[in-house]
PDB file of N, CA and C in Angstrom:
ATOM      1  N   UNK A   1      18.205  -8.187  -3.560  1.00  0.00           N
ATOM      2  CA  UNK A   1      17.059  -8.586  -4.371  1.00  0.00           C
ATOM      3  C   UNK A   1      16.701  -7.453  -5.317  1.00  0.00           C
ATOM      4  N   UNK A   2      16.523  -7.763  -6.565  1.00  0.00           N
ATOM      5  CA  UNK A   2      16.130  -6.748  -7.545  1.00  0.00           C
ATOM      6  C   UNK A   2      14.680  -6.339  -7.334  1.00  0.00           C
ATOM      7  N   UNK A   3      14.425  -5.090  -7.528  1.00  0.00           N
ATOM      8  CA  UNK A   3      13.059  -4.592  -7.424  1.00  0.00           C
ATOM      9  C   UNK A   3      12.344  -4.854  -8.741  1.00  0.00           C
ATOM     10  N   UNK A   4      11.069  -5.277  -8.692  1.00  0.00           N
ATOM     11  CA  UNK A   4      10.338  -5.504  -9.927  1.00  0.00           C
ATOM     12  C   UNK A   4      10.094  -4.201 -10.680  1.00  0.00           C
ATOM     13  N   UNK A   5      10.015  -4.295 -11.983  1.00  0.00           N
ATOM     14  CA  UNK A   5       9.705  -3.154 -12.824  1.00  0.00           C
ATOM     15  C   UNK A   5       8.246  -2.776 -12.592  1.00  0.00           C
ATOM     16  N   UNK A   6       7.943  -1.510 -12.232  1.00  0.00           N
ATOM     17  CA  UNK A   6       6.560  -1.145 -11.940  1.00  0.00           C
ATOM     18  C   UNK A   6       5.611  -1.298 -13.116  1.00  0.00           C
ATOM     19  N   UNK A   7       6.148  -1.289 -14.338  1.00  0.00           N
ATOM     20  CA  UNK A   7       5.270  -1.459 -15.496  1.00  0.00           C
ATOM     21  C   UNK A   7       4.833  -2.911 -15.633  1.00  0.00           C
ATOM     22  N   UNK A   8       5.606  -3.822 -15.061  1.00  0.00           N
ATOM     23  CA  UNK A   8       5.304  -5.243 -15.161  1.00  0.00           C
ATOM     24  C   UNK A   8       5.428  -5.910 -13.801  1.00  0.00           C
ATOM     25  N   UNK A   9       4.619  -5.482 -12.815  1.00  0.00           N
ATOM     26  CA  UNK A   9       4.728  -6.090 -11.491  1.00  0.00           C
ATOM     27  C   UNK A   9       4.369  -7.568 -11.558  1.00  0.00           C
ATOM     28  N   UNK A  10       4.988  -8.340 -10.689  1.00  0.00           N
ATOM     29  CA  UNK A  10       4.724  -9.768 -10.664  1.00  0.00           C
ATOM     30  C   UNK A  10       4.498 -10.234  -9.236  1.00  0.00           C
ATOM     31  N   UNK A  11       4.498 -11.523  -9.024  1.00  0.00           N
ATOM     32  CA  UNK A  11       4.239 -12.067  -7.696  1.00  0.00           C
ATOM     33  C   UNK A  11       5.285 -11.612  -6.685  1.00  0.00           C
ATOM     34  N   UNK A  12       6.504 -11.297  -7.134  1.00  0.00           N
ATOM     35  CA  UNK A  12       7.539 -10.848  -6.205  1.00  0.00           C
ATOM     36  C   UNK A  12       7.202  -9.503  -5.568  1.00  0.00           C
ATOM     37  N   UNK A  13       6.302  -8.740  -6.179  1.00  0.00           N
ATOM     38  CA  UNK A  13       5.910  -7.445  -5.634  1.00  0.00           C
ATOM     39  C   UNK A  13       5.452  -7.602  -4.186  1.00  0.00           C
ATOM     40  N   UNK A  14       4.691  -8.644  -3.922  1.00  0.00           N
ATOM     41  CA  UNK A  14       4.177  -8.886  -2.592  1.00  0.00           C
ATOM     42  C   UNK A  14       5.306  -9.030  -1.577  1.00  0.00           C
ATOM     43  N   UNK A  15       6.423  -9.591  -2.019  1.00  0.00           N
ATOM     44  CA  UNK A  15       7.539  -9.837  -1.121  1.00  0.00           C
ATOM     45  C   UNK A  15       8.302  -8.570  -0.762  1.00  0.00           C
ATOM     46  N   UNK A  16       8.170  -7.526  -1.548  1.00  0.00           N
ATOM     47  CA  UNK A  16       8.924  -6.313  -1.294  1.00  0.00           C
ATOM     48  C   UNK A  16       8.089  -5.238  -0.603  1.00  0.00           C
ATOM     49  N   UNK A  17       6.822  -5.499  -0.368  1.00  0.00           N
ATOM     50  CA  UNK A  17       5.941  -4.553   0.324  1.00  0.00           C
ATOM     51  C   UNK A  17       5.681  -5.031   1.738  1.00  0.00           C
ATOM     52  N   UNK A  18       5.775  -4.102   2.689  1.00  0.00           N
ATOM     53  CA  UNK A  18       5.415  -4.453   4.063  1.00  0.00           C
ATOM     54  C   UNK A  18       3.894  -4.540   4.163  1.00  0.00           C
ATOM     55  N   UNK A  19       3.409  -5.114   5.253  1.00  0.00           N
ATOM     56  CA  UNK A  19       1.961  -5.198   5.477  1.00  0.00           C
ATOM     57  C   UNK A  19       1.355  -3.799   5.519  1.00  0.00           C
ATOM     58  N   UNK A  20       2.053  -2.859   6.142  1.00  0.00           N
ATOM     59  CA  UNK A  20       1.559  -1.481   6.229  1.00  0.00           C
ATOM     60  C   UNK A  20       1.503  -0.826   4.850  1.00  0.00           C
ATOM     61  N   UNK A  21       2.523  -1.066   4.039  1.00  0.00           N
ATOM     62  CA  UNK A  21       2.523  -0.508   2.686  1.00  0.00           C
ATOM     63  C   UNK A  21       1.370  -1.089   1.867  1.00  0.00           C
ATOM     64  N   UNK A  22       1.118  -2.375   2.029  1.00  0.00           N
ATOM     65  CA  UNK A  22      -0.009  -2.987   1.322  1.00  0.00           C
ATOM     66  C   UNK A  22      -1.329  -2.357   1.768  1.00  0.00           C
ATOM     67  N   UNK A  23      -1.445  -2.095   3.056  1.00  0.00           N
ATOM     68  CA  UNK A  23      -2.664  -1.461   3.574  1.00  0.00           C
ATOM     69  C   UNK A  23      -2.820  -0.054   3.000  1.00  0.00           C
ATOM     70  N   UNK A  24      -1.733   0.685   2.946  1.00  0.00           N
ATOM     71  CA  UNK A  24      -1.752   2.034   2.360  1.00  0.00           C
ATOM     72  C   UNK A  24      -2.207   1.959   0.901  1.00  0.00           C
ATOM     73  N   UNK A  25      -1.679   1.002   0.142  1.00  0.00           N
ATOM     74  CA  UNK A  25      -2.047   0.850  -1.269  1.00  0.00           C
ATOM     75  C   UNK A  25      -3.540   0.574  -1.404  1.00  0.00           C
ATOM     76  N   UNK A  26      -4.082  -0.282  -0.549  1.00  0.00           N
ATOM     77  CA  UNK A  26      -5.529  -0.561  -0.610  1.00  0.00           C
ATOM     78  C   UNK A  26      -6.334   0.709  -0.357  1.00  0.00           C
ATOM     79  N   UNK A  27      -5.911   1.521   0.596  1.00  0.00           N
ATOM     80  CA  UNK A  27      -6.611   2.779   0.881  1.00  0.00           C
ATOM     81  C   UNK A  27      -6.516   3.744  -0.304  1.00  0.00           C
ATOM     82  N   UNK A  28      -5.329   3.842  -0.896  1.00  0.00           N
ATOM     83  CA  UNK A  28      -5.149   4.724  -2.054  1.00  0.00           C
ATOM     84  C   UNK A  28      -6.068   4.279  -3.187  1.00  0.00           C
ATOM     85  N   UNK A  29      -6.142   2.979  -3.418  1.00  0.00           N
ATOM     86  CA  UNK A  29      -6.991   2.448  -4.490  1.00  0.00           C
ATOM     87  C   UNK A  29      -8.465   2.761  -4.256  1.00  0.00           C
ATOM     88  N   UNK A  30      -8.860   2.906  -2.986  1.00  0.00           N
ATOM     89  CA  UNK A  30     -10.245   3.251  -2.652  1.00  0.00           C
ATOM     90  C   UNK A  30     -10.496   4.748  -2.734  1.00  0.00           C
ATOM     91  N   UNK A  31      -9.443   5.517  -3.029  1.00  0.00           N
ATOM     92  CA  UNK A  31      -9.599   6.960  -3.177  1.00  0.00           C
ATOM     93  C   UNK A  31      -9.430   7.750  -1.892  1.00  0.00           C
ATOM     94  N   UNK A  32      -8.946   7.103  -0.841  1.00  0.00           N
ATOM     95  CA  UNK A  32      -8.764   7.798   0.445  1.00  0.00           C
ATOM     96  C   UNK A  32      -7.620   8.795   0.371  1.00  0.00           C
ATOM     97  N   UNK A  33      -7.786   9.906   1.067  1.00  0.00           N
ATOM     98  CA  UNK A  33      -6.733  10.907   1.183  1.00  0.00           C
ATOM     99  C   UNK A  33      -5.886  10.591   2.412  1.00  0.00           C
ATOM    100  N   UNK A  34      -4.733  11.238   2.528  1.00  0.00           N
ATOM    101  CA  UNK A  34      -3.797  10.944   3.607  1.00  0.00           C
ATOM    102  C   UNK A  34      -4.429  11.058   4.997  1.00  0.00           C
ATOM    103  N   UNK A  35      -5.226  12.117   5.232  1.00  0.00           N
ATOM    104  CA  UNK A  35      -5.855  12.292   6.547  1.00  0.00           C
ATOM    105  C   UNK A  35      -6.781  11.122   6.878  1.00  0.00           C
ATOM    106  N   UNK A  36      -7.552  10.675   5.896  1.00  0.00           N
ATOM    107  CA  UNK A  36      -8.464   9.555   6.103  1.00  0.00           C
ATOM    108  C   UNK A  36      -7.720   8.255   6.329  1.00  0.00           C
ATOM    109  N   UNK A  37      -6.638   8.041   5.582  1.00  0.00           N
ATOM    110  CA  UNK A  37      -5.824   6.840   5.759  1.00  0.00           C
ATOM    111  C   UNK A  37      -5.230   6.833   7.167  1.00  0.00           C
ATOM    112  N   UNK A  38      -4.690   7.975   7.575  1.00  0.00           N
ATOM    113  CA  UNK A  38      -4.086   8.088   8.908  1.00  0.00           C
ATOM    114  C   UNK A  38      -5.108   7.761   9.993  1.00  0.00           C
ATOM    115  N   UNK A  39      -6.302   8.309   9.868  1.00  0.00           N
ATOM    116  CA  UNK A  39      -7.346   8.063  10.858  1.00  0.00           C
ATOM    117  C   UNK A  39      -7.705   6.579  10.917  1.00  0.00           C
ATOM    118  N   UNK A  40      -7.938   5.972   9.751  1.00  0.00           N
ATOM    119  CA  UNK A  40      -8.338   4.561   9.689  1.00  0.00           C
ATOM    120  C   UNK A  40      -7.261   3.629  10.239  1.00  0.00           C
ATOM    121  N   UNK A  41      -5.998   3.981  10.010  1.00  0.00           N
ATOM    122  CA  UNK A  41      -4.898   3.117  10.430  1.00  0.00           C
ATOM    123  C   UNK A  41      -4.382   3.449  11.824  1.00  0.00           C
ATOM    124  N   UNK A  42      -4.826   4.567  12.377  1.00  0.00           N
ATOM    125  CA  UNK A  42      -4.374   4.959  13.710  1.00  0.00           C
ATOM    126  C   UNK A  42      -2.922   5.418  13.726  1.00  0.00           C
ATOM    127  N   UNK A  43      -2.493   6.074  12.643  1.00  0.00           N
ATOM    128  CA  UNK A  43      -1.136   6.596  12.538  1.00  0.00           C
ATOM    129  C   UNK A  43      -1.215   8.065  12.129  1.00  0.00           C
ATOM    130  N   UNK A  44      -0.079   8.752  12.175  1.00  0.00           N
ATOM    131  CA  UNK A  44      -0.078  10.172  11.810  1.00  0.00           C
ATOM    132  C   UNK A  44      -0.076  10.339  10.289  1.00  0.00           C
ATOM    133  N   UNK A  45      -0.503  11.517   9.851  1.00  0.00           N
ATOM    134  CA  UNK A  45      -0.479  11.844   8.435  1.00  0.00           C
ATOM    135  C   UNK A  45       0.952  11.804   7.906  1.00  0.00           C
ATOM    136  N   UNK A  46       1.916  12.246   8.718  1.00  0.00           N
ATOM    137  CA  UNK A  46       3.319  12.203   8.286  1.00  0.00           C
ATOM    138  C   UNK A  46       3.789  10.772   8.064  1.00  0.00           C
ATOM    139  N   UNK A  47       3.316   9.831   8.890  1.00  0.00           N
ATOM    140  CA  UNK A  47       3.682   8.419   8.708  1.00  0.00           C
ATOM    141  C   UNK A  47       3.091   7.884   7.413  1.00  0.00           C
ATOM    142  N   UNK A  48       1.868   8.283   7.094  1.00  0.00           N
ATOM    143  CA  UNK A  48       1.252   7.893   5.816  1.00  0.00           C
ATOM    144  C   UNK A  48       2.106   8.403   4.664  1.00  0.00           C
ATOM    145  N   UNK A  49       2.509   9.670   4.730  1.00  0.00           N
ATOM    146  CA  UNK A  49       3.336  10.251   3.676  1.00  0.00           C
ATOM    147  C   UNK A  49       4.666   9.503   3.536  1.00  0.00           C
ATOM    148  N   UNK A  50       5.235   9.100   4.659  1.00  0.00           N
ATOM    149  CA  UNK A  50       6.489   8.337   4.630  1.00  0.00           C
ATOM    150  C   UNK A  50       6.290   7.004   3.921  1.00  0.00           C
ATOM    151  N   UNK A  51       5.207   6.294   4.257  1.00  0.00           N
ATOM    152  CA  UNK A  51       4.922   5.015   3.604  1.00  0.00           C
ATOM    153  C   UNK A  51       4.726   5.209   2.094  1.00  0.00           C
ATOM    154  N   UNK A  52       3.990   6.240   1.710  1.00  0.00           N
ATOM    155  CA  UNK A  52       3.750   6.501   0.286  1.00  0.00           C
ATOM    156  C   UNK A  52       5.070   6.814  -0.420  1.00  0.00           C
ATOM    157  N   UNK A  53       5.907   7.603   0.207  1.00  0.00           N
ATOM    158  CA  UNK A  53       7.222   7.903  -0.367  1.00  0.00           C
ATOM    159  C   UNK A  53       8.069   6.648  -0.537  1.00  0.00           C
ATOM    160  N   UNK A  54       8.011   5.765   0.460  1.00  0.00           N
ATOM    161  CA  UNK A  54       8.768   4.512   0.373  1.00  0.00           C
ATOM    162  C   UNK A  54       8.267   3.652  -0.785  1.00  0.00           C
ATOM    163  N   UNK A  55       6.956   3.578  -0.942  1.00  0.00           N
ATOM    164  CA  UNK A  55       6.361   2.798  -2.035  1.00  0.00           C
ATOM    165  C   UNK A  55       6.811   3.371  -3.378  1.00  0.00           C
ATOM    166  N   UNK A  56       6.725   4.695  -3.523  1.00  0.00           N
ATOM    167  CA  UNK A  56       7.116   5.334  -4.778  1.00  0.00           C
ATOM    168  C   UNK A  56       8.587   5.086  -5.088  1.00  0.00           C
ATOM    169  N   UNK A  57       9.432   5.200  -4.076  1.00  0.00           N
ATOM    170  CA  UNK A  57      10.866   5.007  -4.270  1.00  0.00           C
ATOM    171  C   UNK A  57      11.188   3.557  -4.653  1.00  0.00           C
ATOM    172  N   UNK A  58      10.564   2.604  -3.974  1.00  0.00           N
ATOM    173  CA  UNK A  58      10.821   1.187  -4.253  1.00  0.00           C
ATOM    174  C   UNK A  58      10.510   0.808  -5.687  1.00  0.00           C
ATOM    175  N   UNK A  59       9.440   1.389  -6.231  1.00  0.00           N
ATOM    176  CA  UNK A  59       8.965   0.967  -7.547  1.00  0.00           C
ATOM    177  C   UNK A  59       9.123   2.025  -8.633  1.00  0.00           C
ATOM    178  N   UNK A  60       9.807   3.120  -8.319  1.00  0.00           N
ATOM    179  CA  UNK A  60      10.043   4.153  -9.323  1.00  0.00           C
ATOM    180  C   UNK A  60       8.770   4.827  -9.798  1.00  0.00           C
ATOM    181  N   UNK A  61       7.811   4.996  -8.890  1.00  0.00           N
ATOM    182  CA  UNK A  61       6.535   5.614  -9.243  1.00  0.00           C
ATOM    183  C   UNK A  61       6.564   7.089  -8.859  1.00  0.00           C
ATOM    184  N   UNK A  62       5.631   7.873  -9.446  1.00  0.00           N
ATOM    185  CA  UNK A  62       5.659   9.321  -9.226  1.00  0.00           C
ATOM    186  C   UNK A  62       4.385   9.882  -8.618  1.00  0.00           C
ATOM    187  N   UNK A  63       3.312   9.098  -8.567  1.00  0.00           N
ATOM    188  CA  UNK A  63       2.075   9.636  -8.000  1.00  0.00           C
ATOM    189  C   UNK A  63       1.165   8.510  -7.509  1.00  0.00           C
ATOM    190  N   UNK A  64       0.092   8.908  -6.834  1.00  0.00           N
ATOM    191  CA  UNK A  64      -0.848   7.954  -6.235  1.00  0.00           C
ATOM    192  C   UNK A  64      -1.571   7.123  -7.294  1.00  0.00           C
ATOM    193  N   UNK A  65      -1.851   7.729  -8.435  1.00  0.00           N
ATOM    194  CA  UNK A  65      -2.530   6.996  -9.506  1.00  0.00           C
ATOM    195  C   UNK A  65      -1.665   5.831  -9.976  1.00  0.00           C
ATOM    196  N   UNK A  66      -0.373   6.085 -10.131  1.00  0.00           N
ATOM    197  CA  UNK A  66       0.535   5.011 -10.524  1.00  0.00           C
ATOM    198  C   UNK A  66       0.571   3.911  -9.464  1.00  0.00           C
ATOM    199  N   UNK A  67       0.550   4.294  -8.199  1.00  0.00           N
ATOM    200  CA  UNK A  67       0.529   3.294  -7.125  1.00  0.00           C
ATOM    201  C   UNK A  67      -0.705   2.423  -7.277  1.00  0.00           C
ATOM    202  N   UNK A  68      -1.858   3.051  -7.414  1.00  0.00           N
ATOM    203  CA  UNK A  68      -3.118   2.302  -7.503  1.00  0.00           C
ATOM    204  C   UNK A  68      -3.147   1.411  -8.739  1.00  0.00           C
ATOM    205  N   UNK A  69      -2.740   1.931  -9.873  1.00  0.00           N
ATOM    206  CA  UNK A  69      -2.819   1.176 -11.123  1.00  0.00           C
ATOM    207  C   UNK A  69      -1.800   0.035 -11.180  1.00  0.00           C
ATOM    208  N   UNK A  70      -0.592   0.282 -10.711  1.00  0.00           N
ATOM    209  CA  UNK A  70       0.481  -0.701 -10.852  1.00  0.00           C
ATOM    210  C   UNK A  70       0.490  -1.757  -9.754  1.00  0.00           C
ATOM    211  N   UNK A  71       0.136  -1.357  -8.540  1.00  0.00           N
ATOM    212  CA  UNK A  71       0.364  -2.262  -7.413  1.00  0.00           C
ATOM    213  C   UNK A  71      -0.883  -2.871  -6.791  1.00  0.00           C
ATOM    214  N   UNK A  72      -2.044  -2.253  -6.938  1.00  0.00           N
ATOM    215  CA  UNK A  72      -3.256  -2.781  -6.308  1.00  0.00           C
ATOM    216  C   UNK A  72      -3.533  -4.234  -6.677  1.00  0.00           C
ATOM    217  N   UNK A  73      -3.382  -4.626  -7.935  1.00  0.00           N
ATOM    218  CA  UNK A  73      -3.680  -6.029  -8.267  1.00  0.00           C
ATOM    219  C   UNK A  73      -2.739  -7.033  -7.600  1.00  0.00           C
ATOM    220  N   UNK A  74      -1.650  -6.552  -7.008  1.00  0.00           N
ATOM    221  CA  UNK A  74      -0.635  -7.450  -6.477  1.00  0.00           C
ATOM    222  C   UNK A  74      -0.526  -7.449  -4.955  1.00  0.00           C
ATOM    223  N   UNK A  75      -1.380  -6.712  -4.271  1.00  0.00           N
ATOM    224  CA  UNK A  75      -1.345  -6.742  -2.805  1.00  0.00           C
ATOM    225  C   UNK A  75      -2.296  -7.829  -2.314  1.00  0.00           C
ATOM    226  N   UNK A  76      -1.958  -8.392  -1.177  1.00  0.00           N
ATOM    227  CA  UNK A  76      -2.800  -9.436  -0.616  1.00  0.00           C
ATOM    228  C   UNK A  76      -4.027  -8.822   0.031  1.00  0.00           C
ATOM    229  N   UNK A  77      -5.091  -9.575   0.077  1.00  0.00           N
ATOM    230  CA  UNK A  77      -6.322  -9.107   0.718  1.00  0.00           C
ATOM    231  C   UNK A  77      -6.091  -9.040   2.226  1.00  0.00           C
ATOM    232  N   UNK A  78      -6.736  -8.096   2.903  1.00  0.00           N
ATOM    233  CA  UNK A  78      -6.580  -8.024   4.361  1.00  0.00           C
ATOM    234  C   UNK A  78      -7.173  -9.264   5.005  1.00  0.00           C
ATOM    235  N   UNK A  79      -6.570  -9.651   6.120  1.00  0.00           N
ATOM    236  CA  UNK A  79      -7.092 -10.810   6.846  1.00  0.00           C
ATOM    237  C   UNK A  79      -8.411 -10.431   7.508  1.00  0.00           C
ATOM    238  N   UNK A  80      -9.409 -11.323   7.428  1.00  0.00           N
ATOM    239  CA  UNK A  80     -10.697 -11.011   8.044  1.00  0.00           C
ATOM    240  C   UNK A  80     -10.569 -10.946   9.558  1.00  0.00           C
ATOM    241  N   UNK A  81     -11.330 -10.068  10.155  1.00  0.00           N
ATOM    242  CA  UNK A  81     -11.332  -9.924  11.611  1.00  0.00           C
ATOM    243  C   UNK A  81     -12.361 -10.888  12.175  1.00  0.00           C
ATOM    244  N   UNK A  82     -11.922 -11.720  13.087  1.00  0.00           N
ATOM    245  CA  UNK A  82     -12.844 -12.670  13.700  1.00  0.00           C
ATOM    246  C   UNK A  82     -13.446 -12.059  14.961  1.00  0.00           C
ATOM    247  N   UNK A  83     -14.751 -12.159  15.110  1.00  0.00           N
ATOM    248  CA  UNK A  83     -15.357 -11.652  16.342  1.00  0.00           C
ATOM    249  C   UNK A  83     -14.973 -12.568  17.503  1.00  0.00           C
ATOM    250  N   UNK A  84     -14.839 -11.959  18.673  1.00  0.00           N
ATOM    251  CA  UNK A  84     -14.503 -12.736  19.870  1.00  0.00           C
ATOM    252  C   UNK A  84     -15.728 -13.521  20.337  1.00  0.00           C
ATOM    253  N   UNK A  85     -15.498 -14.757  20.716  1.00  0.00           N
ATOM    254  CA  UNK A  85     -16.601 -15.596  21.235  1.00  0.00           C
ATOM    255  C   UNK A  85     -16.913 -15.150  22.655  1.00  0.00           C
ATOM    256  N   UNK A  86     -18.191 -15.192  23.029  1.00  0.00           N
ATOM    257  CA  UNK A  86     -18.566 -14.746  24.389  1.00  0.00           C
ATOM    258  C   UNK A  86     -18.040 -15.666  25.459  1.00  0.00           C
TER     259      UNK A  86
END
């Protein structure tokens, strides 16, 4: 499968991002740093860095700003958490 051009992302972008990568992108768009993302997601800072590197490599991006600008409009919204019934 061809990777979408990061300058012109389309609906296929969603298909090439894992759920974790989409979550990382949402955090980056909110301005979170790696330590904060790791804490919120319950993963290590090194795992966050790995996900960010994978995102950059997939789409030919070079920094977090490019990730936020190019990909945020194309990630799916997180699923709402339903409270447990008593």
